[in-house]
Amino acid sequence: MKWLFDQNLSWRLPKQLSDLYPDSRHIREVGMKESLDTDIWNYAKANGFVVVSKDLDFQQRSLLFGHPPKIVRLRVGNCTVQTIESLLRKYSALIHTFELDAKKSYLVLP
């Protein structure tokens, strides 16, 4: 599973989580730092990414259009990069199960 981390998450996360989610990228790594959600959605869809975001808009878009791309929404406030990393590691089995489920479009954590 490769992830596309949204702008509201740290650009350091792809490297820190590369053991679990190889080939993941932050939107700034792919030249989309200032892009609209629609452009991020289309890029993720075209390139096989799961979008990871704190943004409710992606979850709503998923409800309207289904997948791809799949969405992992982190329902957390302002917190450290380490807290986000720990959360994604803690739920890694659930996340991988979600990725394999052809019927599910989005996952909300925690």
PDB file of N, CA and C in Angstrom:
ATOM      1  N   MET A   1       0.843  -1.170   0.000  1.00  0.00           N
ATOM      2  CA  MET A   1       0.000   0.000   0.000  1.00  0.00           C
ATOM      3  C   MET A   1       0.889   1.234   0.000  1.00  0.00           C
ATOM      4  N   LYS A   2       0.644   2.112  -0.916  1.00  0.00           N
ATOM      5  CA  LYS A   2       1.399   3.363  -0.913  1.00  0.00           C
ATOM      6  C   LYS A   2       0.437   4.516  -0.631  1.00  0.00           C
ATOM      7  N   TRP A   3       0.909   5.399   0.203  1.00  0.00           N
ATOM      8  CA  TRP A   3       0.076   6.496   0.673  1.00  0.00           C
ATOM      9  C   TRP A   3       0.514   7.811   0.093  1.00  0.00           C
ATOM     10  N   LEU A   4      -0.458   8.712  -0.028  1.00  0.00           N
ATOM     11  CA  LEU A   4      -0.203  10.094  -0.381  1.00  0.00           C
ATOM     12  C   LEU A   4      -0.663  10.932   0.810  1.00  0.00           C
ATOM     13  N   PHE A   5       0.305  11.470   1.546  1.00  0.00           N
ATOM     14  CA  PHE A   5       0.004  12.257   2.735  1.00  0.00           C
ATOM     15  C   PHE A   5      -0.394  13.676   2.345  1.00  0.00           C
ATOM     16  N   ASP A   6      -1.502  14.132   2.884  1.00  0.00           N
ATOM     17  CA  ASP A   6      -2.027  15.460   2.602  1.00  0.00           C
ATOM     18  C   ASP A   6      -1.190  16.536   3.287  1.00  0.00           C
ATOM     19  N   GLN A   7      -1.406  17.778   2.884  1.00  0.00           N
ATOM     20  CA  GLN A   7      -0.629  18.904   3.396  1.00  0.00           C
ATOM     21  C   GLN A   7      -0.800  19.140   4.888  1.00  0.00           C
ATOM     22  N   ASN A   8      -1.891  18.643   5.481  1.00  0.00           N
ATOM     23  CA  ASN A   8      -2.092  18.839   6.908  1.00  0.00           C
ATOM     24  C   ASN A   8      -1.337  17.814   7.761  1.00  0.00           C
ATOM     25  N   LEU A   9      -0.519  17.010   7.123  1.00  0.00           N
ATOM     26  CA  LEU A   9       0.339  16.046   7.816  1.00  0.00           C
ATOM     27  C   LEU A   9       1.798  16.317   7.465  1.00  0.00           C
ATOM     28  N   SER A  10       2.683  15.904   8.323  1.00  0.00           N
ATOM     29  CA  SER A  10       4.102  16.194   8.150  1.00  0.00           C
ATOM     30  C   SER A  10       4.695  15.503   6.926  1.00  0.00           C
ATOM     31  N   TRP A  11       5.575  16.222   6.255  1.00  0.00           N
ATOM     32  CA  TRP A  11       6.312  15.678   5.108  1.00  0.00           C
ATOM     33  C   TRP A  11       7.294  14.597   5.551  1.00  0.00           C
ATOM     34  N   ARG A  12       7.548  14.477   6.856  1.00  0.00           N
ATOM     35  CA  ARG A  12       8.481  13.456   7.356  1.00  0.00           C
ATOM     36  C   ARG A  12       7.856  12.069   7.478  1.00  0.00           C
ATOM     37  N   LEU A  13       6.550  11.990   7.499  1.00  0.00           N
ATOM     38  CA  LEU A  13       5.872  10.713   7.736  1.00  0.00           C
ATOM     39  C   LEU A  13       6.180   9.625   6.706  1.00  0.00           C
ATOM     40  N   PRO A  14       6.228   9.924   5.411  1.00  0.00           N
ATOM     41  CA  PRO A  14       6.539   8.836   4.465  1.00  0.00           C
ATOM     42  C   PRO A  14       7.848   8.116   4.781  1.00  0.00           C
ATOM     43  N   LYS A  15       8.866   8.847   5.128  1.00  0.00           N
ATOM     44  CA  LYS A  15      10.148   8.216   5.457  1.00  0.00           C
ATOM     45  C   LYS A  15      10.059   7.453   6.774  1.00  0.00           C
ATOM     46  N   GLN A  16       9.410   8.045   7.773  1.00  0.00           N
ATOM     47  CA  GLN A  16       9.317   7.406   9.072  1.00  0.00           C
ATOM     48  C   GLN A  16       8.491   6.122   9.033  1.00  0.00           C
ATOM     49  N   LEU A  17       7.581   6.017   8.099  1.00  0.00           N
ATOM     50  CA  LEU A  17       6.706   4.844   8.007  1.00  0.00           C
ATOM     51  C   LEU A  17       7.026   3.947   6.807  1.00  0.00           C
ATOM     52  N   SER A  18       8.188   4.154   6.206  1.00  0.00           N
ATOM     53  CA  SER A  18       8.529   3.419   4.980  1.00  0.00           C
ATOM     54  C   SER A  18       8.639   1.911   5.190  1.00  0.00           C
ATOM     55  N   ASP A  19       8.878   1.472   6.425  1.00  0.00           N
ATOM     56  CA  ASP A  19       8.934   0.032   6.680  1.00  0.00           C
ATOM     57  C   ASP A  19       7.555  -0.620   6.554  1.00  0.00           C
ATOM     58  N   LEU A  20       6.501   0.131   6.853  1.00  0.00           N
ATOM     59  CA  LEU A  20       5.136  -0.395   6.749  1.00  0.00           C
ATOM     60  C   LEU A  20       4.442  -0.014   5.450  1.00  0.00           C
ATOM     61  N   TYR A  21       4.732   1.167   4.959  1.00  0.00           N
ATOM     62  CA  TYR A  21       4.040   1.707   3.795  1.00  0.00           C
ATOM     63  C   TYR A  21       5.057   2.220   2.777  1.00  0.00           C
ATOM     64  N   PRO A  22       5.778   1.307   2.134  1.00  0.00           N
ATOM     65  CA  PRO A  22       6.810   1.721   1.169  1.00  0.00           C
ATOM     66  C   PRO A  22       6.185   2.442  -0.026  1.00  0.00           C
ATOM     67  N   ASP A  23       6.989   3.242  -0.667  1.00  0.00           N
ATOM     68  CA  ASP A  23       6.582   3.991  -1.857  1.00  0.00           C
ATOM     69  C   ASP A  23       5.555   5.083  -1.575  1.00  0.00           C
ATOM     70  N   SER A  24       5.368   5.429  -0.297  1.00  0.00           N
ATOM     71  CA  SER A  24       4.456   6.513   0.053  1.00  0.00           C
ATOM     72  C   SER A  24       5.142   7.852  -0.184  1.00  0.00           C
ATOM     73  N   ARG A  25       4.328   8.880  -0.381  1.00  0.00           N
ATOM     74  CA  ARG A  25       4.832  10.218  -0.663  1.00  0.00           C
ATOM     75  C   ARG A  25       3.981  11.262   0.064  1.00  0.00           C
ATOM     76  N   HIS A  26       4.579  12.407   0.249  1.00  0.00           N
ATOM     77  CA  HIS A  26       3.846  13.574   0.736  1.00  0.00           C
ATOM     78  C   HIS A  26       3.501  14.400  -0.496  1.00  0.00           C
ATOM     79  N   ILE A  27       2.398  15.136  -0.455  1.00  0.00           N
ATOM     80  CA  ILE A  27       2.004  15.872  -1.655  1.00  0.00           C
ATOM     81  C   ILE A  27       3.059  16.872  -2.098  1.00  0.00           C
ATOM     82  N   ARG A  28       3.849  17.370  -1.174  1.00  0.00           N
ATOM     83  CA  ARG A  28       4.888  18.316  -1.592  1.00  0.00           C
ATOM     84  C   ARG A  28       5.999  17.623  -2.376  1.00  0.00           C
ATOM     85  N   GLU A  29       6.188  16.315  -2.161  1.00  0.00           N
ATOM     86  CA  GLU A  29       7.198  15.559  -2.911  1.00  0.00           C
ATOM     87  C   GLU A  29       6.810  15.364  -4.372  1.00  0.00           C
ATOM     88  N   VAL A  30       5.519  15.449  -4.648  1.00  0.00           N
ATOM     89  CA  VAL A  30       5.048  15.247  -6.014  1.00  0.00           C
ATOM     90  C   VAL A  30       4.591  16.567  -6.637  1.00  0.00           C
ATOM     91  N   GLY A  31       5.021  17.676  -6.046  1.00  0.00           N
ATOM     92  CA  GLY A  31       4.746  18.990  -6.607  1.00  0.00           C
ATOM     93  C   GLY A  31       3.320  19.471  -6.442  1.00  0.00           C
ATOM     94  N   MET A  32       2.635  19.010  -5.383  1.00  0.00           N
ATOM     95  CA  MET A  32       1.226  19.371  -5.203  1.00  0.00           C
ATOM     96  C   MET A  32       0.964  20.115  -3.893  1.00  0.00           C
ATOM     97  N   LYS A  33       1.958  20.782  -3.362  1.00  0.00           N
ATOM     98  CA  LYS A  33       1.846  21.441  -2.052  1.00  0.00           C
ATOM     99  C   LYS A  33       0.659  22.402  -1.971  1.00  0.00           C
ATOM    100  N   GLU A  34       0.376  23.143  -2.996  1.00  0.00           N
ATOM    101  CA  GLU A  34      -0.694  24.145  -2.999  1.00  0.00           C
ATOM    102  C   GLU A  34      -1.930  23.678  -3.776  1.00  0.00           C
ATOM    103  N   SER A  35      -2.031  22.395  -4.054  1.00  0.00           N
ATOM    104  CA  SER A  35      -3.097  21.891  -4.916  1.00  0.00           C
ATOM    105  C   SER A  35      -4.443  21.793  -4.214  1.00  0.00           C
ATOM    106  N   LEU A  36      -5.487  21.843  -5.015  1.00  0.00           N
ATOM    107  CA  LEU A  36      -6.846  21.658  -4.523  1.00  0.00           C
ATOM    108  C   LEU A  36      -7.094  20.183  -4.234  1.00  0.00           C
ATOM    109  N   ASP A  37      -8.063  19.920  -3.357  1.00  0.00           N
ATOM    110  CA  ASP A  37      -8.414  18.538  -3.022  1.00  0.00           C
ATOM    111  C   ASP A  37      -8.762  17.726  -4.264  1.00  0.00           C
ATOM    112  N   THR A  38      -9.444  18.343  -5.212  1.00  0.00           N
ATOM    113  CA  THR A  38      -9.812  17.646  -6.449  1.00  0.00           C
ATOM    114  C   THR A  38      -8.576  17.165  -7.203  1.00  0.00           C
ATOM    115  N   ASP A  39      -7.560  18.013  -7.278  1.00  0.00           N
ATOM    116  CA  ASP A  39      -6.326  17.638  -7.973  1.00  0.00           C
ATOM    117  C   ASP A  39      -5.591  16.526  -7.236  1.00  0.00           C
ATOM    118  N   ILE A  40      -5.574  16.604  -5.903  1.00  0.00           N
ATOM    119  CA  ILE A  40      -4.935  15.558  -5.094  1.00  0.00           C
ATOM    120  C   ILE A  40      -5.677  14.236  -5.283  1.00  0.00           C
ATOM    121  N   TRP A  41      -6.991  14.294  -5.252  1.00  0.00           N
ATOM    122  CA  TRP A  41      -7.837  13.107  -5.468  1.00  0.00           C
ATOM    123  C   TRP A  41      -7.511  12.462  -6.817  1.00  0.00           C
ATOM    124  N   ASN A  42      -7.495  13.265  -7.863  1.00  0.00           N
ATOM    125  CA  ASN A  42      -7.237  12.741  -9.205  1.00  0.00           C
ATOM    126  C   ASN A  42      -5.831  12.170  -9.331  1.00  0.00           C
ATOM    127  N   TYR A  43      -4.849  12.825  -8.726  1.00  0.00           N
ATOM    128  CA  TYR A  43      -3.477  12.318  -8.757  1.00  0.00           C
ATOM    129  C   TYR A  43      -3.399  10.966  -8.044  1.00  0.00           C
ATOM    130  N   ALA A  44      -4.007  10.883  -6.866  1.00  0.00           N
ATOM    131  CA  ALA A  44      -3.994   9.624  -6.106  1.00  0.00           C
ATOM    132  C   ALA A  44      -4.683   8.509  -6.899  1.00  0.00           C
ATOM    133  N   LYS A  45      -5.783   8.832  -7.501  1.00  0.00           N
ATOM    134  CA  LYS A  45      -6.526   7.844  -8.296  1.00  0.00           C
ATOM    135  C   LYS A  45      -5.701   7.350  -9.473  1.00  0.00           C
ATOM    136  N   ALA A  46      -5.071   8.273 -10.176  1.00  0.00           N
ATOM    137  CA  ALA A  46      -4.295   7.923 -11.371  1.00  0.00           C
ATOM    138  C   ALA A  46      -3.013   7.167 -11.055  1.00  0.00           C
ATOM    139  N   ASN A  47      -2.500   7.329  -9.832  1.00  0.00           N
ATOM    140  CA  ASN A  47      -1.202   6.753  -9.487  1.00  0.00           C
ATOM    141  C   ASN A  47      -1.252   5.684  -8.395  1.00  0.00           C
ATOM    142  N   GLY A  48      -2.438   5.226  -8.043  1.00  0.00           N
ATOM    143  CA  GLY A  48      -2.581   4.110  -7.123  1.00  0.00           C
ATOM    144  C   GLY A  48      -2.250   4.414  -5.666  1.00  0.00           C
ATOM    145  N   PHE A  49      -2.500   5.650  -5.229  1.00  0.00           N
ATOM    146  CA  PHE A  49      -2.243   6.022  -3.841  1.00  0.00           C
ATOM    147  C   PHE A  49      -3.513   5.945  -3.003  1.00  0.00           C
ATOM    148  N   VAL A  50      -3.339   5.721  -1.705  1.00  0.00           N
ATOM    149  CA  VAL A  50      -4.366   5.906  -0.694  1.00  0.00           C
ATOM    150  C   VAL A  50      -4.093   7.276  -0.086  1.00  0.00           C
ATOM    151  N   VAL A  51      -5.089   8.146  -0.022  1.00  0.00           N
ATOM    152  CA  VAL A  51      -4.910   9.475   0.551  1.00  0.00           C
ATOM    153  C   VAL A  51      -5.047   9.389   2.061  1.00  0.00           C
ATOM    154  N   VAL A  52      -4.069   9.956   2.767  1.00  0.00           N
ATOM    155  CA  VAL A  52      -4.099  10.024   4.221  1.00  0.00           C
ATOM    156  C   VAL A  52      -4.208  11.496   4.597  1.00  0.00           C
ATOM    157  N   SER A  53      -5.239  11.836   5.371  1.00  0.00           N
ATOM    158  CA  SER A  53      -5.506  13.238   5.658  1.00  0.00           C
ATOM    159  C   SER A  53      -6.278  13.389   6.960  1.00  0.00           C
ATOM    160  N   LYS A  54      -6.212  14.582   7.516  1.00  0.00           N
ATOM    161  CA  LYS A  54      -7.085  14.971   8.626  1.00  0.00           C
ATOM    162  C   LYS A  54      -8.342  15.646   8.091  1.00  0.00           C
ATOM    163  N   ASP A  55      -8.383  15.891   6.817  1.00  0.00           N
ATOM    164  CA  ASP A  55      -9.411  16.680   6.151  1.00  0.00           C
ATOM    165  C   ASP A  55     -10.690  15.872   5.928  1.00  0.00           C
ATOM    166  N   LEU A  56     -11.793  16.348   6.470  1.00  0.00           N
ATOM    167  CA  LEU A  56     -13.083  15.689   6.302  1.00  0.00           C
ATOM    168  C   LEU A  56     -13.540  15.706   4.839  1.00  0.00           C
ATOM    169  N   ASP A  57     -13.062  16.666   4.063  1.00  0.00           N
ATOM    170  CA  ASP A  57     -13.475  16.772   2.662  1.00  0.00           C
ATOM    171  C   ASP A  57     -13.178  15.507   1.859  1.00  0.00           C
ATOM    172  N   PHE A  58     -12.056  14.868   2.138  1.00  0.00           N
ATOM    173  CA  PHE A  58     -11.725  13.640   1.404  1.00  0.00           C
ATOM    174  C   PHE A  58     -12.682  12.511   1.760  1.00  0.00           C
ATOM    175  N   GLN A  59     -13.065  12.414   3.026  1.00  0.00           N
ATOM    176  CA  GLN A  59     -14.032  11.398   3.433  1.00  0.00           C
ATOM    177  C   GLN A  59     -15.371  11.654   2.735  1.00  0.00           C
ATOM    178  N   GLN A  60     -15.793  12.904   2.675  1.00  0.00           N
ATOM    179  CA  GLN A  60     -17.053  13.232   2.012  1.00  0.00           C
ATOM    180  C   GLN A  60     -16.984  12.934   0.515  1.00  0.00           C
ATOM    181  N   ARG A  61     -15.863  13.251  -0.096  1.00  0.00           N
ATOM    182  CA  ARG A  61     -15.678  12.948  -1.523  1.00  0.00           C
ATOM    183  C   ARG A  61     -15.761  11.433  -1.754  1.00  0.00           C
ATOM    184  N   SER A  62     -15.211  10.677  -0.831  1.00  0.00           N
ATOM    185  CA  SER A  62     -15.250   9.223  -0.927  1.00  0.00           C
ATOM    186  C   SER A  62     -16.686   8.696  -0.851  1.00  0.00           C
ATOM    187  N   LEU A  63     -17.493   9.316   0.007  1.00  0.00           N
ATOM    188  CA  LEU A  63     -18.896   8.924   0.104  1.00  0.00           C
ATOM    189  C   LEU A  63     -19.656   9.210  -1.193  1.00  0.00           C
ATOM    190  N   LEU A  64     -19.285  10.285  -1.864  1.00  0.00           N
ATOM    191  CA  LEU A  64     -19.939  10.654  -3.119  1.00  0.00           C
ATOM    192  C   LEU A  64     -19.492   9.803  -4.300  1.00  0.00           C
ATOM    193  N   PHE A  65     -18.183   9.569  -4.395  1.00  0.00           N
ATOM    194  CA  PHE A  65     -17.623   8.960  -5.597  1.00  0.00           C
ATOM    195  C   PHE A  65     -17.091   7.544  -5.420  1.00  0.00           C
ATOM    196  N   GLY A  66     -17.009   7.068  -4.193  1.00  0.00           N
ATOM    197  CA  GLY A  66     -16.426   5.746  -3.966  1.00  0.00           C
ATOM    198  C   GLY A  66     -14.922   5.779  -4.170  1.00  0.00           C
ATOM    199  N   HIS A  67     -14.375   4.651  -4.497  1.00  0.00           N
ATOM    200  CA  HIS A  67     -12.930   4.576  -4.697  1.00  0.00           C
ATOM    201  C   HIS A  67     -12.626   3.900  -6.022  1.00  0.00           C
ATOM    202  N   PRO A  68     -11.477   4.042  -6.562  1.00  0.00           N
ATOM    203  CA  PRO A  68     -10.286   4.664  -5.988  1.00  0.00           C
ATOM    204  C   PRO A  68     -10.358   6.183  -6.052  1.00  0.00           C
ATOM    205  N   PRO A  69      -9.545   6.856  -5.274  1.00  0.00           N
ATOM    206  CA  PRO A  69      -8.632   6.316  -4.279  1.00  0.00           C
ATOM    207  C   PRO A  69      -9.356   6.047  -2.961  1.00  0.00           C
ATOM    208  N   LYS A  70      -8.760   5.201  -2.177  1.00  0.00           N
ATOM    209  CA  LYS A  70      -9.244   4.986  -0.825  1.00  0.00           C
ATOM    210  C   LYS A  70      -8.726   6.120   0.051  1.00  0.00           C
ATOM    211  N   ILE A  71      -9.428   6.343   1.166  1.00  0.00           N
ATOM    212  CA  ILE A  71      -9.098   7.435   2.067  1.00  0.00           C
ATOM    213  C   ILE A  71      -8.908   6.899   3.489  1.00  0.00           C
ATOM    214  N   VAL A  72      -7.818   7.332   4.122  1.00  0.00           N
ATOM    215  CA  VAL A  72      -7.627   7.104   5.558  1.00  0.00           C
ATOM    216  C   VAL A  72      -7.693   8.481   6.193  1.00  0.00           C
ATOM    217  N   ARG A  73      -8.721   8.700   7.000  1.00  0.00           N
ATOM    218  CA  ARG A  73      -8.889   9.989   7.672  1.00  0.00           C
ATOM    219  C   ARG A  73      -8.469   9.858   9.129  1.00  0.00           C
ATOM    220  N   LEU A  74      -7.590  10.746   9.541  1.00  0.00           N
ATOM    221  CA  LEU A  74      -7.120  10.761  10.920  1.00  0.00           C
ATOM    222  C   LEU A  74      -7.919  11.807  11.679  1.00  0.00           C
ATOM    223  N   ARG A  75      -8.687  11.344  12.628  1.00  0.00           N
ATOM    224  CA  ARG A  75      -9.541  12.236  13.411  1.00  0.00           C
ATOM    225  C   ARG A  75      -8.800  12.633  14.690  1.00  0.00           C
ATOM    226  N   VAL A  76      -7.803  13.454  14.490  1.00  0.00           N
ATOM    227  CA  VAL A  76      -6.984  13.946  15.600  1.00  0.00           C
ATOM    228  C   VAL A  76      -6.792  15.448  15.424  1.00  0.00           C
ATOM    229  N   GLY A  77      -6.576  16.132  16.516  1.00  0.00           N
ATOM    230  CA  GLY A  77      -6.303  17.563  16.446  1.00  0.00           C
ATOM    231  C   GLY A  77      -4.825  17.798  16.224  1.00  0.00           C
ATOM    232  N   ASN A  78      -4.383  18.958  16.626  1.00  0.00           N
ATOM    233  CA  ASN A  78      -2.956  19.256  16.538  1.00  0.00           C
ATOM    234  C   ASN A  78      -2.190  18.321  17.459  1.00  0.00           C
ATOM    235  N   CYS A  79      -1.212  17.662  16.917  1.00  0.00           N
ATOM    236  CA  CYS A  79      -0.407  16.737  17.706  1.00  0.00           C
ATOM    237  C   CYS A  79       0.950  16.578  17.035  1.00  0.00           C
ATOM    238  N   THR A  80       1.832  15.902  17.703  1.00  0.00           N
ATOM    239  CA  THR A  80       3.187  15.743  17.191  1.00  0.00           C
ATOM    240  C   THR A  80       3.229  14.722  16.043  1.00  0.00           C
ATOM    241  N   VAL A  81       4.294  14.804  15.284  1.00  0.00           N
ATOM    242  CA  VAL A  81       4.531  13.837  14.214  1.00  0.00           C
ATOM    243  C   VAL A  81       4.647  12.440  14.818  1.00  0.00           C
ATOM    244  N   GLN A  82       5.277  12.332  15.966  1.00  0.00           N
ATOM    245  CA  GLN A  82       5.437  11.039  16.630  1.00  0.00           C
ATOM    246  C   GLN A  82       4.088  10.442  17.028  1.00  0.00           C
ATOM    247  N   THR A  83       3.148  11.296  17.428  1.00  0.00           N
ATOM    248  CA  THR A  83       1.817  10.810  17.781  1.00  0.00           C
ATOM    249  C   THR A  83       1.119  10.222  16.559  1.00  0.00           C
ATOM    250  N   ILE A  84       1.213  10.917  15.422  1.00  0.00           N
ATOM    251  CA  ILE A  84       0.619  10.410  14.177  1.00  0.00           C
ATOM    252  C   ILE A  84       1.292   9.110  13.757  1.00  0.00           C
ATOM    253  N   GLU A  85       2.617   9.079  13.822  1.00  0.00           N
ATOM    254  CA  GLU A  85       3.338   7.859  13.470  1.00  0.00           C
ATOM    255  C   GLU A  85       2.903   6.701  14.355  1.00  0.00           C
ATOM    256  N   SER A  86       2.813   6.930  15.652  1.00  0.00           N
ATOM    257  CA  SER A  86       2.394   5.877  16.592  1.00  0.00           C
ATOM    258  C   SER A  86       0.984   5.388  16.284  1.00  0.00           C
ATOM    259  N   LEU A  87       0.091   6.308  15.961  1.00  0.00           N
ATOM    260  CA  LEU A  87      -1.278   5.951  15.619  1.00  0.00           C
ATOM    261  C   LEU A  87      -1.323   5.052  14.389  1.00  0.00           C
ATOM    262  N   LEU A  88      -0.586   5.416  13.365  1.00  0.00           N
ATOM    263  CA  LEU A  88      -0.583   4.628  12.129  1.00  0.00           C
ATOM    264  C   LEU A  88       0.096   3.272  12.312  1.00  0.00           C
ATOM    265  N   ARG A  89       1.061   3.210  13.184  1.00  0.00           N
ATOM    266  CA  ARG A  89       1.687   1.910  13.503  1.00  0.00           C
ATOM    267  C   ARG A  89       0.725   1.043  14.325  1.00  0.00           C
ATOM    268  N   LYS A  90       0.072   1.645  15.290  1.00  0.00           N
ATOM    269  CA  LYS A  90      -0.860   0.914  16.167  1.00  0.00           C
ATOM    270  C   LYS A  90      -1.976   0.245  15.354  1.00  0.00           C
ATOM    271  N   TYR A  91      -2.468   0.947  14.351  1.00  0.00           N
ATOM    272  CA  TYR A  91      -3.596   0.444  13.563  1.00  0.00           C
ATOM    273  C   TYR A  91      -3.170  -0.183  12.233  1.00  0.00           C
ATOM    274  N   SER A  92      -1.919  -0.546  12.098  1.00  0.00           N
ATOM    275  CA  SER A  92      -1.429  -1.041  10.809  1.00  0.00           C
ATOM    276  C   SER A  92      -2.161  -2.300  10.330  1.00  0.00           C
ATOM    277  N   ALA A  93      -2.509  -3.210  11.215  1.00  0.00           N
ATOM    278  CA  ALA A  93      -3.225  -4.420  10.786  1.00  0.00           C
ATOM    279  C   ALA A  93      -4.614  -4.054  10.258  1.00  0.00           C
ATOM    280  N   LEU A  94      -5.308  -3.167  10.950  1.00  0.00           N
ATOM    281  CA  LEU A  94      -6.623  -2.710  10.507  1.00  0.00           C
ATOM    282  C   LEU A  94      -6.517  -1.982   9.172  1.00  0.00           C
ATOM    283  N   ILE A  95      -5.491  -1.171   9.026  1.00  0.00           N
ATOM    284  CA  ILE A  95      -5.280  -0.415   7.790  1.00  0.00           C
ATOM    285  C   ILE A  95      -5.026  -1.353   6.613  1.00  0.00           C
ATOM    286  N   HIS A  96      -4.207  -2.363   6.808  1.00  0.00           N
ATOM    287  CA  HIS A  96      -3.921  -3.309   5.724  1.00  0.00           C
ATOM    288  C   HIS A  96      -5.164  -4.126   5.365  1.00  0.00           C
ATOM    289  N   THR A  97      -5.974  -4.480   6.353  1.00  0.00           N
ATOM    290  CA  THR A  97      -7.225  -5.186   6.090  1.00  0.00           C
ATOM    291  C   THR A  97      -8.176  -4.301   5.283  1.00  0.00           C
ATOM    292  N   PHE A  98      -8.252  -3.037   5.671  1.00  0.00           N
ATOM    293  CA  PHE A  98      -9.075  -2.065   4.947  1.00  0.00           C
ATOM    294  C   PHE A  98      -8.637  -1.968   3.489  1.00  0.00           C
ATOM    295  N   GLU A  99      -7.352  -1.894   3.256  1.00  0.00           N
ATOM    296  CA  GLU A  99      -6.830  -1.753   1.899  1.00  0.00           C
ATOM    297  C   GLU A  99      -7.232  -2.927   1.011  1.00  0.00           C
ATOM    298  N   LEU A 100      -7.353  -4.105   1.589  1.00  0.00           N
ATOM    299  CA  LEU A 100      -7.702  -5.300   0.825  1.00  0.00           C
ATOM    300  C   LEU A 100      -9.206  -5.469   0.607  1.00  0.00           C
ATOM    301  N   ASP A 101     -10.016  -4.719   1.358  1.00  0.00           N
ATOM    302  CA  ASP A 101     -11.472  -4.832   1.271  1.00  0.00           C
ATOM    303  C   ASP A 101     -11.979  -4.035   0.069  1.00  0.00           C
ATOM    304  N   ALA A 102     -12.474  -4.738  -0.927  1.00  0.00           N
ATOM    305  CA  ALA A 102     -12.904  -4.097  -2.170  1.00  0.00           C
ATOM    306  C   ALA A 102     -14.148  -3.236  -2.002  1.00  0.00           C
ATOM    307  N   LYS A 103     -14.874  -3.394  -0.913  1.00  0.00           N
ATOM    308  CA  LYS A 103     -16.123  -2.649  -0.710  1.00  0.00           C
ATOM    309  C   LYS A 103     -15.930  -1.344   0.041  1.00  0.00           C
ATOM    310  N   LYS A 104     -14.877  -1.229   0.823  1.00  0.00           N
ATOM    311  CA  LYS A 104     -14.706  -0.046   1.666  1.00  0.00           C
ATOM    312  C   LYS A 104     -13.902   1.041   0.960  1.00  0.00           C
ATOM    313  N   SER A 105     -14.401   2.278   1.092  1.00  0.00           N
ATOM    314  CA  SER A 105     -13.759   3.420   0.446  1.00  0.00           C
ATOM    315  C   SER A 105     -12.933   4.257   1.409  1.00  0.00           C
ATOM    316  N   TYR A 106     -13.340   4.303   2.678  1.00  0.00           N
ATOM    317  CA  TYR A 106     -12.619   5.131   3.627  1.00  0.00           C
ATOM    318  C   TYR A 106     -12.553   4.475   4.994  1.00  0.00           C
ATOM    319  N   LEU A 107     -11.551   4.880   5.733  1.00  0.00           N
ATOM    320  CA  LEU A 107     -11.325   4.393   7.095  1.00  0.00           C
ATOM    321  C   LEU A 107     -11.043   5.612   7.958  1.00  0.00           C
ATOM    322  N   VAL A 108     -11.711   5.692   9.100  1.00  0.00           N
ATOM    323  CA  VAL A 108     -11.507   6.802  10.028  1.00  0.00           C
ATOM    324  C   VAL A 108     -10.791   6.268  11.266  1.00  0.00           C
ATOM    325  N   LEU A 109      -9.689   6.930  11.633  1.00  0.00           N
ATOM    326  CA  LEU A 109      -8.913   6.566  12.807  1.00  0.00           C
ATOM    327  C   LEU A 109      -8.807   7.768  13.737  1.00  0.00           C
ATOM    328  N   PRO A 110      -8.732   7.672  14.995  1.00  0.00           N
ATOM    329  CA  PRO A 110      -9.045   6.510  15.825  1.00  0.00           C
ATOM    330  C   PRO A 110     -10.525   6.340  16.015  1.00  0.00           C
TER     331      PRO A 110
END
